[in-house]
Amino acid sequence: MPFDRYEKLIFDLSSPGREGAAVPDLTVPEDESIASLGALARADLPLPEVSEPEVVRHYIALSRKNYHIDRGFYPLGSCTMKYNPKLNEDATALPGFANLHPLTSESRAQGAMALMYRLGQFLLDLTGLEDVTLQPAAGAHGELTALMMVQARMCDRGELRNEVLTPDSSHGTNPASAAMVGYKVVEVRSDPAGRVDLEHLKKVLSDKTACLMITNP
């Protein structure tokens, strides 16, 4: 990466005598004890001396280095951000959610519990499954949970299947999650259109296959 793509530290922008704000002159008698404390604090803190516009421009430039939905489509592996509209962020910032302590008693968290229960019911209706869990906190966590469920199901059926098929276009967490559970990872090639190469899939599919992980573009 070229050096000029790095932002300077705000301390590098500092110049003696610059101020970030113009404070009005004191109109009441000065308290000498407080004034001496203030001078001591300033002497001990190596604060940068920059103007207000420089501070604003500096932090705006830093914020533009963050990749966000307003600047383009999220790349592969950011499903949590990619499929959640900004409205969801506003909802989760509401005090009832944002300030809910993890150890809050059930009697004081009925609103959040009702919301999670209704979400679970929606997912059951959509998928036709017998039950769902909202425990996974992110995409990779969900992959790991699903693979553990597959492994438990195979053990319950007495089937020794030790391979998981992952597309070559998948995010790195797919093979990593499979390896963490103890599976051998088998890569499936993509066709020229970027989809799963069905002929190659037929070749690698066997009685050792526990599951096939499909990437949602």
N, C-alpha and C. Protein backbone atom coordinates (compact mmCIF):
# COMPACT_ATOMS: atom_id res chain seq x y z
N MET A 1 0.85 -1.19 0.00
CA MET A 1 0.00 0.00 0.00
C MET A 1 0.89 1.25 0.00
N PRO A 2 0.65 2.20 -0.92
CA PRO A 2 1.48 3.41 -0.95
C PRO A 2 1.40 4.16 0.37
N PHE A 3 2.52 4.79 0.73
CA PHE A 3 2.60 5.48 2.00
C PHE A 3 1.56 6.60 2.09
N ASP A 4 1.27 7.27 0.94
CA ASP A 4 0.37 8.41 0.99
C ASP A 4 -1.08 8.02 1.27
N ARG A 5 -1.36 6.71 1.31
CA ARG A 5 -2.73 6.28 1.63
C ARG A 5 -2.95 6.20 3.13
N TYR A 6 -1.87 6.31 3.91
CA TYR A 6 -2.00 6.32 5.35
C TYR A 6 -2.28 7.73 5.83
N GLU A 7 -3.18 7.85 6.79
CA GLU A 7 -3.47 9.15 7.37
C GLU A 7 -2.41 9.49 8.42
N LYS A 8 -2.05 10.76 8.49
CA LYS A 8 -1.13 11.20 9.53
C LYS A 8 -1.83 11.13 10.89
N LEU A 9 -1.06 10.93 11.92
CA LEU A 9 -1.62 11.02 13.27
C LEU A 9 -1.98 12.47 13.55
N ILE A 10 -2.97 12.66 14.40
CA ILE A 10 -3.37 14.02 14.72
C ILE A 10 -2.23 14.77 15.39
N PHE A 11 -1.31 14.04 16.04
CA PHE A 11 -0.15 14.68 16.66
C PHE A 11 0.81 15.21 15.59
N ASP A 12 0.81 14.57 14.41
CA ASP A 12 1.66 15.04 13.32
C ASP A 12 1.14 16.34 12.72
N LEU A 13 -0.15 16.60 12.91
CA LEU A 13 -0.76 17.83 12.39
C LEU A 13 -0.61 19.00 13.37
N SER A 14 -0.11 18.68 14.56
CA SER A 14 -0.02 19.68 15.61
C SER A 14 1.01 20.76 15.28
N SER A 15 0.68 21.99 15.65
CA SER A 15 1.59 23.12 15.48
C SER A 15 1.41 24.05 16.68
N PRO A 16 2.48 24.44 17.35
CA PRO A 16 2.37 25.27 18.56
C PRO A 16 1.55 26.53 18.34
N GLY A 17 0.62 26.77 19.25
CA GLY A 17 -0.19 27.99 19.19
C GLY A 17 -1.55 27.82 18.56
N ARG A 18 -1.79 26.70 17.88
CA ARG A 18 -3.11 26.49 17.27
C ARG A 18 -4.12 26.08 18.34
N GLU A 19 -5.35 26.53 18.17
CA GLU A 19 -6.39 26.21 19.14
C GLU A 19 -7.62 25.69 18.41
N GLY A 20 -8.32 24.77 19.06
CA GLY A 20 -9.50 24.18 18.46
C GLY A 20 -10.79 24.91 18.76
N ALA A 21 -10.75 25.82 19.70
CA ALA A 21 -11.96 26.55 20.07
C ALA A 21 -11.57 27.90 20.66
N ALA A 22 -12.41 28.88 20.42
CA ALA A 22 -12.20 30.22 20.99
C ALA A 22 -13.09 30.35 22.22
N VAL A 23 -12.47 30.35 23.38
CA VAL A 23 -13.22 30.43 24.64
C VAL A 23 -13.37 31.90 25.05
N PRO A 24 -14.58 32.35 25.37
CA PRO A 24 -14.78 33.75 25.78
C PRO A 24 -13.97 34.09 27.03
N ASP A 25 -13.63 35.36 27.17
CA ASP A 25 -12.91 35.80 28.36
C ASP A 25 -13.75 35.57 29.60
N LEU A 26 -13.09 35.30 30.73
CA LEU A 26 -13.76 35.05 31.99
C LEU A 26 -14.45 36.32 32.48
N THR A 27 -15.72 36.21 32.85
CA THR A 27 -16.48 37.38 33.31
C THR A 27 -16.76 37.33 34.81
N VAL A 28 -16.23 36.35 35.52
CA VAL A 28 -16.40 36.24 36.97
C VAL A 28 -15.02 36.11 37.60
N PRO A 29 -14.92 36.39 38.89
CA PRO A 29 -13.61 36.28 39.55
C PRO A 29 -13.03 34.88 39.41
N GLU A 30 -11.72 34.81 39.10
CA GLU A 30 -11.07 33.53 38.90
C GLU A 30 -10.72 32.87 40.23
N ASP A 31 -11.00 31.59 40.33
CA ASP A 31 -10.64 30.81 41.52
C ASP A 31 -9.21 30.32 41.33
N GLU A 32 -8.29 30.87 42.12
CA GLU A 32 -6.88 30.56 41.93
C GLU A 32 -6.56 29.08 42.13
N SER A 33 -7.28 28.43 43.08
CA SER A 33 -7.00 27.02 43.33
C SER A 33 -7.37 26.16 42.12
N ILE A 34 -8.50 26.49 41.50
CA ILE A 34 -8.93 25.75 40.30
C ILE A 34 -8.02 26.07 39.13
N ALA A 35 -7.63 27.34 39.01
CA ALA A 35 -6.76 27.74 37.90
C ALA A 35 -5.43 27.01 37.95
N SER A 36 -4.88 26.85 39.16
CA SER A 36 -3.59 26.15 39.28
C SER A 36 -3.72 24.68 38.91
N LEU A 37 -4.85 24.07 39.26
CA LEU A 37 -5.08 22.68 38.89
C LEU A 37 -5.19 22.53 37.38
N GLY A 38 -5.89 23.47 36.75
CA GLY A 38 -6.03 23.43 35.30
C GLY A 38 -4.70 23.55 34.59
N ALA A 39 -3.84 24.42 35.08
CA ALA A 39 -2.52 24.60 34.47
C ALA A 39 -1.69 23.34 34.63
N LEU A 40 -1.79 22.70 35.79
CA LEU A 40 -1.05 21.46 36.03
C LEU A 40 -1.49 20.36 35.08
N ALA A 41 -2.83 20.24 34.87
CA ALA A 41 -3.36 19.21 33.98
C ALA A 41 -2.87 19.42 32.55
N ARG A 42 -2.87 20.68 32.10
CA ARG A 42 -2.42 20.97 30.74
C ARG A 42 -0.94 20.66 30.57
N ALA A 43 -0.17 20.91 31.60
CA ALA A 43 1.26 20.67 31.51
C ALA A 43 1.58 19.17 31.44
N ASP A 44 0.71 18.35 32.05
CA ASP A 44 0.98 16.91 32.10
C ASP A 44 0.45 16.18 30.87
N LEU A 45 -0.48 16.78 30.15
CA LEU A 45 -1.09 16.10 29.01
C LEU A 45 -0.48 16.59 27.71
N PRO A 46 0.15 15.72 26.94
CA PRO A 46 0.75 16.13 25.66
C PRO A 46 -0.30 16.20 24.56
N LEU A 47 -1.23 17.14 24.70
CA LEU A 47 -2.32 17.26 23.73
C LEU A 47 -1.84 17.92 22.44
N PRO A 48 -2.34 17.47 21.29
CA PRO A 48 -1.98 18.12 20.02
C PRO A 48 -2.61 19.50 19.93
N GLU A 49 -1.91 20.40 19.29
CA GLU A 49 -2.43 21.76 19.08
C GLU A 49 -2.85 21.88 17.63
N VAL A 50 -4.15 21.77 17.40
CA VAL A 50 -4.71 21.80 16.05
C VAL A 50 -5.96 22.66 16.04
N SER A 51 -6.29 23.18 14.87
CA SER A 51 -7.49 24.00 14.74
C SER A 51 -8.72 23.12 14.63
N GLU A 52 -9.88 23.70 14.86
CA GLU A 52 -11.13 22.92 14.79
C GLU A 52 -11.35 22.31 13.41
N PRO A 53 -11.17 23.04 12.30
CA PRO A 53 -11.35 22.42 10.98
C PRO A 53 -10.41 21.24 10.75
N GLU A 54 -9.18 21.34 11.27
CA GLU A 54 -8.23 20.23 11.10
C GLU A 54 -8.70 18.98 11.84
N VAL A 55 -9.27 19.16 13.03
CA VAL A 55 -9.78 18.03 13.79
C VAL A 55 -10.93 17.36 13.03
N VAL A 56 -11.85 18.17 12.53
CA VAL A 56 -13.01 17.63 11.80
C VAL A 56 -12.56 16.89 10.55
N ARG A 57 -11.68 17.51 9.77
CA ARG A 57 -11.21 16.88 8.52
C ARG A 57 -10.45 15.59 8.81
N HIS A 58 -9.67 15.60 9.88
CA HIS A 58 -8.88 14.42 10.23
C HIS A 58 -9.78 13.22 10.51
N TYR A 59 -10.79 13.42 11.35
CA TYR A 59 -11.63 12.29 11.74
C TYR A 59 -12.63 11.90 10.65
N ILE A 60 -13.03 12.85 9.81
CA ILE A 60 -13.86 12.52 8.65
C ILE A 60 -13.06 11.66 7.68
N ALA A 61 -11.79 12.01 7.48
CA ALA A 61 -10.93 11.21 6.58
C ALA A 61 -10.76 9.80 7.11
N LEU A 62 -10.61 9.65 8.42
CA LEU A 62 -10.49 8.32 9.01
C LEU A 62 -11.78 7.52 8.83
N SER A 63 -12.93 8.19 9.01
CA SER A 63 -14.20 7.48 8.89
C SER A 63 -14.44 6.98 7.47
N ARG A 64 -13.91 7.66 6.47
CA ARG A 64 -14.10 7.26 5.08
C ARG A 64 -13.29 6.01 4.74
N LYS A 65 -12.37 5.62 5.60
CA LYS A 65 -11.62 4.40 5.36
C LYS A 65 -12.42 3.17 5.76
N ASN A 66 -13.47 3.36 6.55
CA ASN A 66 -14.34 2.24 6.92
C ASN A 66 -15.24 1.89 5.73
N TYR A 67 -15.35 0.61 5.43
CA TYR A 67 -16.24 0.19 4.34
C TYR A 67 -17.66 0.09 4.89
N HIS A 68 -18.60 0.74 4.24
CA HIS A 68 -19.97 0.73 4.74
C HIS A 68 -20.96 0.67 3.59
N ILE A 69 -22.21 0.40 3.92
CA ILE A 69 -23.23 0.11 2.92
C ILE A 69 -23.49 1.29 1.99
N ASP A 70 -23.18 2.53 2.43
CA ASP A 70 -23.40 3.69 1.58
C ASP A 70 -22.34 3.83 0.50
N ARG A 71 -21.23 3.10 0.64
CA ARG A 71 -20.14 3.22 -0.32
C ARG A 71 -20.07 2.06 -1.29
N GLY A 72 -20.85 1.02 -1.09
CA GLY A 72 -20.82 -0.10 -2.00
C GLY A 72 -21.36 -1.36 -1.36
N PHE A 73 -21.44 -2.42 -2.16
CA PHE A 73 -21.98 -3.69 -1.69
C PHE A 73 -20.96 -4.39 -0.81
N TYR A 74 -21.42 -4.93 0.30
CA TYR A 74 -20.51 -5.65 1.19
C TYR A 74 -19.94 -6.88 0.48
N PRO A 75 -18.67 -7.16 0.67
CA PRO A 75 -18.08 -8.35 0.05
C PRO A 75 -18.53 -9.62 0.76
N LEU A 76 -18.11 -10.75 0.21
CA LEU A 76 -18.46 -12.04 0.78
C LEU A 76 -17.96 -12.14 2.22
N GLY A 77 -18.79 -12.74 3.08
CA GLY A 77 -18.37 -12.94 4.45
C GLY A 77 -18.88 -11.87 5.40
N SER A 78 -19.72 -10.98 4.92
CA SER A 78 -20.27 -9.92 5.78
C SER A 78 -21.79 -10.01 5.80
N CYS A 79 -22.31 -11.23 5.88
CA CYS A 79 -23.76 -11.43 5.75
C CYS A 79 -24.55 -10.69 6.82
N THR A 80 -24.00 -10.64 8.03
CA THR A 80 -24.72 -9.97 9.10
C THR A 80 -24.96 -8.51 8.76
N MET A 81 -24.00 -7.86 8.10
CA MET A 81 -24.16 -6.47 7.69
C MET A 81 -24.89 -6.37 6.36
N LYS A 82 -24.63 -7.34 5.49
CA LYS A 82 -25.15 -7.27 4.12
C LYS A 82 -26.68 -7.38 4.07
N TYR A 83 -27.24 -8.18 4.96
CA TYR A 83 -28.68 -8.44 4.89
C TYR A 83 -29.46 -7.77 6.01
N ASN A 84 -28.85 -6.84 6.71
CA ASN A 84 -29.56 -6.11 7.76
C ASN A 84 -29.68 -4.65 7.37
N PRO A 85 -30.90 -4.15 7.13
CA PRO A 85 -31.06 -2.74 6.78
C PRO A 85 -30.74 -1.84 7.97
N LYS A 86 -30.54 -0.56 7.69
CA LYS A 86 -30.22 0.40 8.75
C LYS A 86 -31.34 0.48 9.80
N LEU A 87 -32.56 0.19 9.37
CA LEU A 87 -33.67 0.23 10.31
C LEU A 87 -33.43 -0.73 11.48
N ASN A 88 -32.80 -1.88 11.20
CA ASN A 88 -32.50 -2.83 12.27
C ASN A 88 -31.53 -2.24 13.28
N GLU A 89 -30.56 -1.44 12.79
CA GLU A 89 -29.61 -0.82 13.69
C GLU A 89 -30.31 0.20 14.59
N ASP A 90 -31.27 0.91 14.04
CA ASP A 90 -32.03 1.86 14.85
C ASP A 90 -32.83 1.14 15.93
N ALA A 91 -33.40 -0.01 15.56
CA ALA A 91 -34.21 -0.77 16.52
C ALA A 91 -33.34 -1.31 17.66
N THR A 92 -32.18 -1.87 17.32
CA THR A 92 -31.33 -2.43 18.36
C THR A 92 -30.71 -1.36 19.25
N ALA A 93 -30.75 -0.11 18.80
CA ALA A 93 -30.21 0.99 19.61
C ALA A 93 -31.23 1.51 20.61
N LEU A 94 -32.47 1.03 20.53
CA LEU A 94 -33.49 1.46 21.49
C LEU A 94 -33.07 1.05 22.90
N PRO A 95 -33.37 1.88 23.90
CA PRO A 95 -32.91 1.60 25.27
C PRO A 95 -33.30 0.21 25.77
N GLY A 96 -34.49 -0.27 25.41
CA GLY A 96 -34.93 -1.57 25.89
C GLY A 96 -34.07 -2.72 25.43
N PHE A 97 -33.38 -2.54 24.30
CA PHE A 97 -32.47 -3.57 23.80
C PHE A 97 -31.02 -3.25 24.15
N ALA A 98 -30.60 -2.02 23.85
CA ALA A 98 -29.20 -1.66 24.03
C ALA A 98 -28.77 -1.69 25.49
N ASN A 99 -29.68 -1.35 26.39
CA ASN A 99 -29.32 -1.27 27.81
C ASN A 99 -29.80 -2.46 28.63
N LEU A 100 -30.23 -3.52 27.95
CA LEU A 100 -30.71 -4.70 28.67
C LEU A 100 -29.51 -5.51 29.17
N HIS A 101 -29.37 -5.64 30.48
CA HIS A 101 -28.23 -6.34 31.06
C HIS A 101 -28.37 -7.84 30.83
N PRO A 102 -27.27 -8.52 30.49
CA PRO A 102 -27.33 -9.97 30.23
C PRO A 102 -27.89 -10.79 31.38
N LEU A 103 -27.75 -10.29 32.61
CA LEU A 103 -28.22 -11.03 33.77
C LEU A 103 -29.58 -10.56 34.26
N THR A 104 -30.28 -9.80 33.43
CA THR A 104 -31.63 -9.36 33.79
C THR A 104 -32.55 -10.56 33.99
N SER A 105 -33.38 -10.51 35.01
CA SER A 105 -34.28 -11.63 35.28
C SER A 105 -35.34 -11.75 34.18
N GLU A 106 -35.90 -12.93 34.02
CA GLU A 106 -36.91 -13.16 32.98
C GLU A 106 -38.11 -12.24 33.15
N SER A 107 -38.47 -11.96 34.40
CA SER A 107 -39.65 -11.12 34.64
C SER A 107 -39.44 -9.70 34.14
N ARG A 108 -38.19 -9.26 34.02
CA ARG A 108 -37.90 -7.89 33.58
C ARG A 108 -37.45 -7.83 32.11
N ALA A 109 -37.46 -8.97 31.44
CA ALA A 109 -37.03 -9.01 30.04
C ALA A 109 -38.08 -9.65 29.14
N GLN A 110 -39.34 -9.52 29.53
CA GLN A 110 -40.41 -10.17 28.78
C GLN A 110 -40.55 -9.62 27.36
N GLY A 111 -40.31 -8.33 27.18
CA GLY A 111 -40.42 -7.75 25.84
C GLY A 111 -39.42 -8.36 24.87
N ALA A 112 -38.15 -8.42 25.28
CA ALA A 112 -37.11 -9.00 24.43
C ALA A 112 -37.36 -10.49 24.19
N MET A 113 -37.80 -11.20 25.23
CA MET A 113 -38.05 -12.63 25.10
C MET A 113 -39.23 -12.89 24.15
N ALA A 114 -40.25 -12.03 24.22
CA ALA A 114 -41.40 -12.19 23.32
C ALA A 114 -40.97 -11.97 21.87
N LEU A 115 -40.10 -10.98 21.66
CA LEU A 115 -39.61 -10.71 20.30
C LEU A 115 -38.83 -11.91 19.76
N MET A 116 -37.95 -12.49 20.58
CA MET A 116 -37.17 -13.63 20.14
C MET A 116 -38.05 -14.85 19.89
N TYR A 117 -39.08 -15.03 20.73
CA TYR A 117 -39.98 -16.16 20.53
C TYR A 117 -40.73 -16.02 19.20
N ARG A 118 -41.22 -14.81 18.92
CA ARG A 118 -41.96 -14.60 17.67
C ARG A 118 -41.05 -14.80 16.46
N LEU A 119 -39.80 -14.34 16.56
CA LEU A 119 -38.85 -14.56 15.46
C LEU A 119 -38.64 -16.05 15.23
N GLY A 120 -38.49 -16.80 16.33
CA GLY A 120 -38.33 -18.25 16.21
C GLY A 120 -39.51 -18.90 15.52
N GLN A 121 -40.73 -18.45 15.85
CA GLN A 121 -41.93 -19.00 15.23
C GLN A 121 -41.97 -18.68 13.73
N PHE A 122 -41.55 -17.46 13.36
CA PHE A 122 -41.49 -17.11 11.93
C PHE A 122 -40.54 -18.03 11.19
N LEU A 123 -39.37 -18.30 11.80
CA LEU A 123 -38.38 -19.17 11.16
C LEU A 123 -38.89 -20.60 11.02
N LEU A 124 -39.62 -21.07 12.02
CA LEU A 124 -40.21 -22.42 11.95
C LEU A 124 -41.21 -22.50 10.80
N ASP A 125 -42.04 -21.46 10.67
CA ASP A 125 -43.03 -21.45 9.59
C ASP A 125 -42.36 -21.43 8.22
N LEU A 126 -41.26 -20.70 8.11
CA LEU A 126 -40.58 -20.56 6.82
C LEU A 126 -39.83 -21.83 6.43
N THR A 127 -39.25 -22.50 7.41
CA THR A 127 -38.37 -23.64 7.11
C THR A 127 -39.05 -25.00 7.27
N GLY A 128 -40.11 -25.07 8.07
CA GLY A 128 -40.75 -26.35 8.32
C GLY A 128 -39.99 -27.22 9.30
N LEU A 129 -39.02 -26.66 10.00
CA LEU A 129 -38.25 -27.42 10.97
C LEU A 129 -39.04 -27.61 12.26
N GLU A 130 -38.57 -28.53 13.10
CA GLU A 130 -39.24 -28.78 14.37
C GLU A 130 -38.86 -27.75 15.43
N ASP A 131 -37.66 -27.22 15.34
CA ASP A 131 -37.22 -26.25 16.33
C ASP A 131 -36.08 -25.42 15.75
N VAL A 132 -35.81 -24.28 16.34
CA VAL A 132 -34.71 -23.41 15.92
C VAL A 132 -33.99 -22.90 17.16
N THR A 133 -32.78 -22.38 16.94
CA THR A 133 -32.05 -21.72 18.02
C THR A 133 -31.58 -20.36 17.55
N LEU A 134 -31.66 -19.37 18.43
CA LEU A 134 -31.17 -18.04 18.13
C LEU A 134 -29.85 -17.79 18.84
N GLN A 135 -29.25 -18.85 19.35
CA GLN A 135 -28.02 -18.72 20.14
C GLN A 135 -26.82 -18.24 19.33
N PRO A 136 -26.60 -18.74 18.08
CA PRO A 136 -25.43 -18.26 17.33
C PRO A 136 -25.44 -16.74 17.18
N ALA A 137 -24.30 -16.14 17.45
CA ALA A 137 -24.22 -14.68 17.46
C ALA A 137 -23.78 -14.08 16.13
N ALA A 138 -23.29 -14.91 15.20
CA ALA A 138 -22.82 -14.39 13.91
C ALA A 138 -22.79 -15.51 12.89
N GLY A 139 -22.44 -15.17 11.65
CA GLY A 139 -22.45 -16.16 10.57
C GLY A 139 -21.55 -17.35 10.84
N ALA A 140 -20.29 -17.08 11.23
CA ALA A 140 -19.36 -18.17 11.48
C ALA A 140 -19.82 -19.02 12.66
N HIS A 141 -20.42 -18.38 13.65
CA HIS A 141 -20.95 -19.10 14.80
C HIS A 141 -22.11 -20.00 14.36
N GLY A 142 -22.92 -19.50 13.42
CA GLY A 142 -24.02 -20.30 12.90
C GLY A 142 -23.52 -21.50 12.11
N GLU A 143 -22.44 -21.32 11.34
CA GLU A 143 -21.84 -22.44 10.61
C GLU A 143 -21.40 -23.53 11.57
N LEU A 144 -20.70 -23.10 12.62
CA LEU A 144 -20.18 -24.06 13.59
C LEU A 144 -21.32 -24.82 14.26
N THR A 145 -22.38 -24.09 14.62
CA THR A 145 -23.54 -24.73 15.26
C THR A 145 -24.17 -25.76 14.33
N ALA A 146 -24.35 -25.39 13.05
CA ALA A 146 -24.97 -26.29 12.09
C ALA A 146 -24.13 -27.55 11.89
N LEU A 147 -22.82 -27.39 11.82
CA LEU A 147 -21.94 -28.55 11.63
C LEU A 147 -21.95 -29.47 12.85
N MET A 148 -22.05 -28.88 14.03
CA MET A 148 -22.15 -29.70 15.24
C MET A 148 -23.46 -30.48 15.25
N MET A 149 -24.53 -29.86 14.73
CA MET A 149 -25.82 -30.54 14.62
C MET A 149 -25.73 -31.70 13.62
N VAL A 150 -25.06 -31.45 12.48
CA VAL A 150 -24.87 -32.50 11.48
C VAL A 150 -24.10 -33.66 12.08
N GLN A 151 -23.03 -33.34 12.79
CA GLN A 151 -22.21 -34.38 13.40
C GLN A 151 -23.00 -35.20 14.42
N ALA A 152 -23.81 -34.51 15.22
CA ALA A 152 -24.62 -35.22 16.22
C ALA A 152 -25.65 -36.12 15.53
N ARG A 153 -26.22 -35.66 14.42
CA ARG A 153 -27.21 -36.45 13.68
C ARG A 153 -26.55 -37.69 13.08
N MET A 154 -25.35 -37.52 12.52
CA MET A 154 -24.64 -38.66 11.94
C MET A 154 -24.32 -39.71 13.01
N CYS A 155 -23.89 -39.23 14.18
CA CYS A 155 -23.58 -40.15 15.28
C CYS A 155 -24.84 -40.88 15.73
N ASP A 156 -25.96 -40.15 15.77
CA ASP A 156 -27.22 -40.75 16.19
C ASP A 156 -27.66 -41.85 15.23
N ARG A 157 -27.34 -41.67 13.96
CA ARG A 157 -27.70 -42.66 12.94
C ARG A 157 -26.63 -43.73 12.78
N GLY A 158 -25.51 -43.59 13.49
CA GLY A 158 -24.45 -44.57 13.40
C GLY A 158 -23.68 -44.53 12.10
N GLU A 159 -23.67 -43.38 11.43
CA GLU A 159 -22.98 -43.25 10.15
C GLU A 159 -21.65 -42.53 10.35
N LEU A 160 -20.59 -43.13 9.86
CA LEU A 160 -19.26 -42.55 9.99
C LEU A 160 -18.94 -41.72 8.75
N ARG A 161 -19.41 -40.50 8.74
CA ARG A 161 -19.15 -39.59 7.63
C ARG A 161 -18.20 -38.49 8.13
N ASN A 162 -17.07 -38.34 7.50
CA ASN A 162 -16.05 -37.43 8.03
C ASN A 162 -15.61 -36.34 7.05
N GLU A 163 -16.38 -36.11 5.98
CA GLU A 163 -16.02 -35.09 5.00
C GLU A 163 -17.12 -34.04 4.86
N VAL A 164 -16.68 -32.80 4.70
CA VAL A 164 -17.60 -31.69 4.44
C VAL A 164 -17.17 -31.02 3.14
N LEU A 165 -18.10 -30.81 2.23
CA LEU A 165 -17.81 -30.18 0.95
C LEU A 165 -18.04 -28.67 1.07
N THR A 166 -17.05 -27.89 0.64
CA THR A 166 -17.17 -26.43 0.68
C THR A 166 -16.82 -25.87 -0.69
N PRO A 167 -17.60 -24.92 -1.23
CA PRO A 167 -17.27 -24.32 -2.52
C PRO A 167 -15.96 -23.53 -2.44
N ASP A 168 -15.24 -23.46 -3.55
CA ASP A 168 -13.99 -22.68 -3.54
C ASP A 168 -14.26 -21.19 -3.42
N SER A 169 -15.53 -20.78 -3.57
CA SER A 169 -15.89 -19.37 -3.43
C SER A 169 -16.33 -19.01 -2.01
N SER A 170 -16.32 -20.00 -1.13
CA SER A 170 -16.83 -19.74 0.22
C SER A 170 -15.86 -18.89 1.03
N HIS A 171 -16.40 -18.26 2.06
CA HIS A 171 -15.58 -17.50 2.98
C HIS A 171 -14.71 -18.45 3.79
N GLY A 172 -13.58 -17.97 4.27
CA GLY A 172 -12.65 -18.82 4.99
C GLY A 172 -13.21 -19.47 6.23
N THR A 173 -14.29 -18.90 6.77
CA THR A 173 -14.87 -19.50 7.98
C THR A 173 -15.53 -20.84 7.68
N ASN A 174 -15.93 -21.10 6.42
CA ASN A 174 -16.57 -22.37 6.10
C ASN A 174 -15.63 -23.55 6.33
N PRO A 175 -14.48 -23.61 5.65
CA PRO A 175 -13.57 -24.71 5.94
C PRO A 175 -13.02 -24.67 7.36
N ALA A 176 -12.86 -23.47 7.92
CA ALA A 176 -12.34 -23.37 9.28
C ALA A 176 -13.32 -23.98 10.28
N SER A 177 -14.62 -23.70 10.10
CA SER A 177 -15.64 -24.26 11.00
C SER A 177 -15.67 -25.78 10.88
N ALA A 178 -15.59 -26.30 9.64
CA ALA A 178 -15.61 -27.75 9.43
C ALA A 178 -14.41 -28.40 10.09
N ALA A 179 -13.25 -27.77 9.97
CA ALA A 179 -12.04 -28.33 10.56
C ALA A 179 -12.11 -28.31 12.09
N MET A 180 -12.73 -27.27 12.65
CA MET A 180 -12.85 -27.18 14.11
C MET A 180 -13.70 -28.32 14.67
N VAL A 181 -14.70 -28.75 13.90
CA VAL A 181 -15.56 -29.84 14.36
C VAL A 181 -14.87 -31.20 14.16
N GLY A 182 -13.82 -31.22 13.35
CA GLY A 182 -13.08 -32.47 13.13
C GLY A 182 -13.29 -33.09 11.78
N TYR A 183 -13.94 -32.37 10.85
CA TYR A 183 -14.19 -32.91 9.52
C TYR A 183 -13.01 -32.66 8.59
N LYS A 184 -12.88 -33.52 7.59
CA LYS A 184 -11.94 -33.30 6.50
C LYS A 184 -12.63 -32.41 5.47
N VAL A 185 -11.98 -31.34 5.06
CA VAL A 185 -12.57 -30.37 4.14
C VAL A 185 -12.25 -30.77 2.70
N VAL A 186 -13.30 -30.86 1.87
CA VAL A 186 -13.15 -31.18 0.44
C VAL A 186 -13.68 -30.00 -0.36
N GLU A 187 -12.84 -29.41 -1.18
CA GLU A 187 -13.22 -28.22 -1.94
C GLU A 187 -13.96 -28.59 -3.22
N VAL A 188 -15.02 -27.84 -3.52
CA VAL A 188 -15.79 -28.02 -4.74
C VAL A 188 -15.52 -26.84 -5.66
N ARG A 189 -15.14 -27.10 -6.89
CA ARG A 189 -14.79 -26.03 -7.81
C ARG A 189 -16.03 -25.26 -8.28
N SER A 190 -15.80 -24.04 -8.75
CA SER A 190 -16.86 -23.22 -9.34
C SER A 190 -16.80 -23.34 -10.85
N ASP A 191 -17.96 -23.14 -11.51
CA ASP A 191 -17.97 -23.14 -12.96
C ASP A 191 -17.68 -21.72 -13.46
N PRO A 192 -17.57 -21.51 -14.79
CA PRO A 192 -17.23 -20.18 -15.31
C PRO A 192 -18.21 -19.08 -14.87
N ALA A 193 -19.44 -19.45 -14.51
CA ALA A 193 -20.41 -18.45 -14.09
C ALA A 193 -20.33 -18.17 -12.59
N GLY A 194 -19.40 -18.84 -11.89
CA GLY A 194 -19.25 -18.61 -10.46
C GLY A 194 -20.15 -19.46 -9.60
N ARG A 195 -20.87 -20.40 -10.22
CA ARG A 195 -21.74 -21.30 -9.46
C ARG A 195 -21.03 -22.62 -9.20
N VAL A 196 -21.63 -23.47 -8.38
CA VAL A 196 -21.02 -24.77 -8.09
C VAL A 196 -20.93 -25.61 -9.36
N ASP A 197 -19.75 -26.14 -9.63
CA ASP A 197 -19.54 -27.01 -10.79
C ASP A 197 -20.18 -28.37 -10.46
N LEU A 198 -21.34 -28.64 -11.05
CA LEU A 198 -22.09 -29.83 -10.69
C LEU A 198 -21.35 -31.12 -11.05
N GLU A 199 -20.59 -31.09 -12.14
CA GLU A 199 -19.84 -32.29 -12.52
C GLU A 199 -18.75 -32.60 -11.49
N HIS A 200 -18.09 -31.56 -11.02
CA HIS A 200 -17.06 -31.77 -10.00
C HIS A 200 -17.70 -32.18 -8.67
N LEU A 201 -18.88 -31.63 -8.40
CA LEU A 201 -19.59 -32.00 -7.18
C LEU A 201 -19.92 -33.50 -7.18
N LYS A 202 -20.33 -34.01 -8.33
CA LYS A 202 -20.64 -35.44 -8.44
C LYS A 202 -19.41 -36.31 -8.17
N LYS A 203 -18.23 -35.80 -8.58
CA LYS A 203 -17.00 -36.57 -8.40
C LYS A 203 -16.58 -36.66 -6.94
N VAL A 204 -16.76 -35.55 -6.21
CA VAL A 204 -16.28 -35.53 -4.82
C VAL A 204 -17.34 -36.00 -3.82
N LEU A 205 -18.58 -36.10 -4.26
CA LEU A 205 -19.64 -36.57 -3.37
C LEU A 205 -19.50 -38.07 -3.15
N SER A 206 -19.55 -38.51 -1.89
CA SER A 206 -19.38 -39.93 -1.59
C SER A 206 -20.13 -40.29 -0.31
N ASP A 207 -20.01 -41.57 0.08
CA ASP A 207 -20.66 -42.00 1.30
C ASP A 207 -19.94 -41.49 2.55
N LYS A 208 -18.82 -40.76 2.34
CA LYS A 208 -18.12 -40.13 3.46
C LYS A 208 -18.59 -38.69 3.70
N THR A 209 -19.43 -38.19 2.76
CA THR A 209 -19.88 -36.79 2.85
C THR A 209 -20.92 -36.62 3.94
N ALA A 210 -20.62 -35.71 4.87
CA ALA A 210 -21.57 -35.41 5.94
C ALA A 210 -22.53 -34.31 5.51
N CYS A 211 -22.02 -33.30 4.81
CA CYS A 211 -22.89 -32.22 4.34
C CYS A 211 -22.16 -31.41 3.29
N LEU A 212 -22.90 -30.57 2.60
CA LEU A 212 -22.38 -29.64 1.62
C LEU A 212 -22.73 -28.23 2.09
N MET A 213 -21.72 -27.40 2.24
CA MET A 213 -21.94 -26.00 2.64
C MET A 213 -22.09 -25.16 1.38
N ILE A 214 -23.21 -24.46 1.28
CA ILE A 214 -23.49 -23.65 0.11
C ILE A 214 -23.31 -22.17 0.45
N THR A 215 -22.61 -21.44 -0.40
CA THR A 215 -22.38 -20.02 -0.19
C THR A 215 -23.54 -19.21 -0.75
N ASN A 216 -24.06 -18.31 0.07
CA ASN A 216 -25.12 -17.41 -0.38
C ASN A 216 -24.45 -16.11 -0.85
N PRO A 217 -24.50 -15.82 -2.16
CA PRO A 217 -23.75 -14.66 -2.66
C PRO A 217 -24.31 -13.34 -2.16
